[in-house]
Amino acid sequence: MAVTNFSDPEFLKRLRERDAASLEAVVGAYLPQLIRAAWGMGFSHDEAQDLGQSVFLALMEGIARFEGRSHIRTFLFGIFYNKVSEHLRDKQKLEGNDPIDEVMESRFDLKGKWRQPPANIEGDVFGREVQEMLRDCLENVPSAQRIVFYLREVEEMTTREICKKMAISGTNLGVMLFRARNRLRECLEKKGLKKG
């Protein structure tokens, strides 16, 4: 079997004229590659066959646009990637949204936080006990440290906002938060609350 030079201007002319032998040579050479590429992208055997056939239909419709500046294989794979995108868009329209998307959107806000936290009765009781302990321990933290701790952990203010509000440096804020957290930890551990 003779090797076909797909870049030969004479071959391309015959292909543009829809010569059956030229088209058969291109299909024989590149359909298996297109199908393997589709399989590699996770398409089923039937989907891969359909994609391959749609590439050659598009080739015949658009062969007049092919100027021969690139290799025919490059042109075919350009069509192939467009057909893959088209196929995936159509498939997504048919399948609609993934139900998990609706669940995620209904339960979480745009920042990924719970819209309404799940019920946890045991955790709620334990949480109330911890809150009482925390309130008691916070009373023993110096007022400036208590204020920056509250602004950071409860109000969720940024470092910049706290520094501006309290007229302190970022380094000073870091030291104050470190000391407040350490005092709280020591106090909570004395009250019997241990990690784990």
Foldseek 3Di string as FASTA:
>chain_A
DDDDDQLDPVLLVCVLVVPPVSLVNCCVVPLVVQLVVVVVVPDDNVVSNVLSVVLSVVCNVCSVVDPSPDGVNVVSVVSSVVSVVVVVVVVCVVVDDDVVVVVQPVQAPPVRDGPDDDDDPVVVVVVVVVVVLLVVLLVVQPPVLSVLLCCCPPVVDDLVVSCVVVVHDSVVSVVSPVVSVVSSVVSVVVVPDDDD
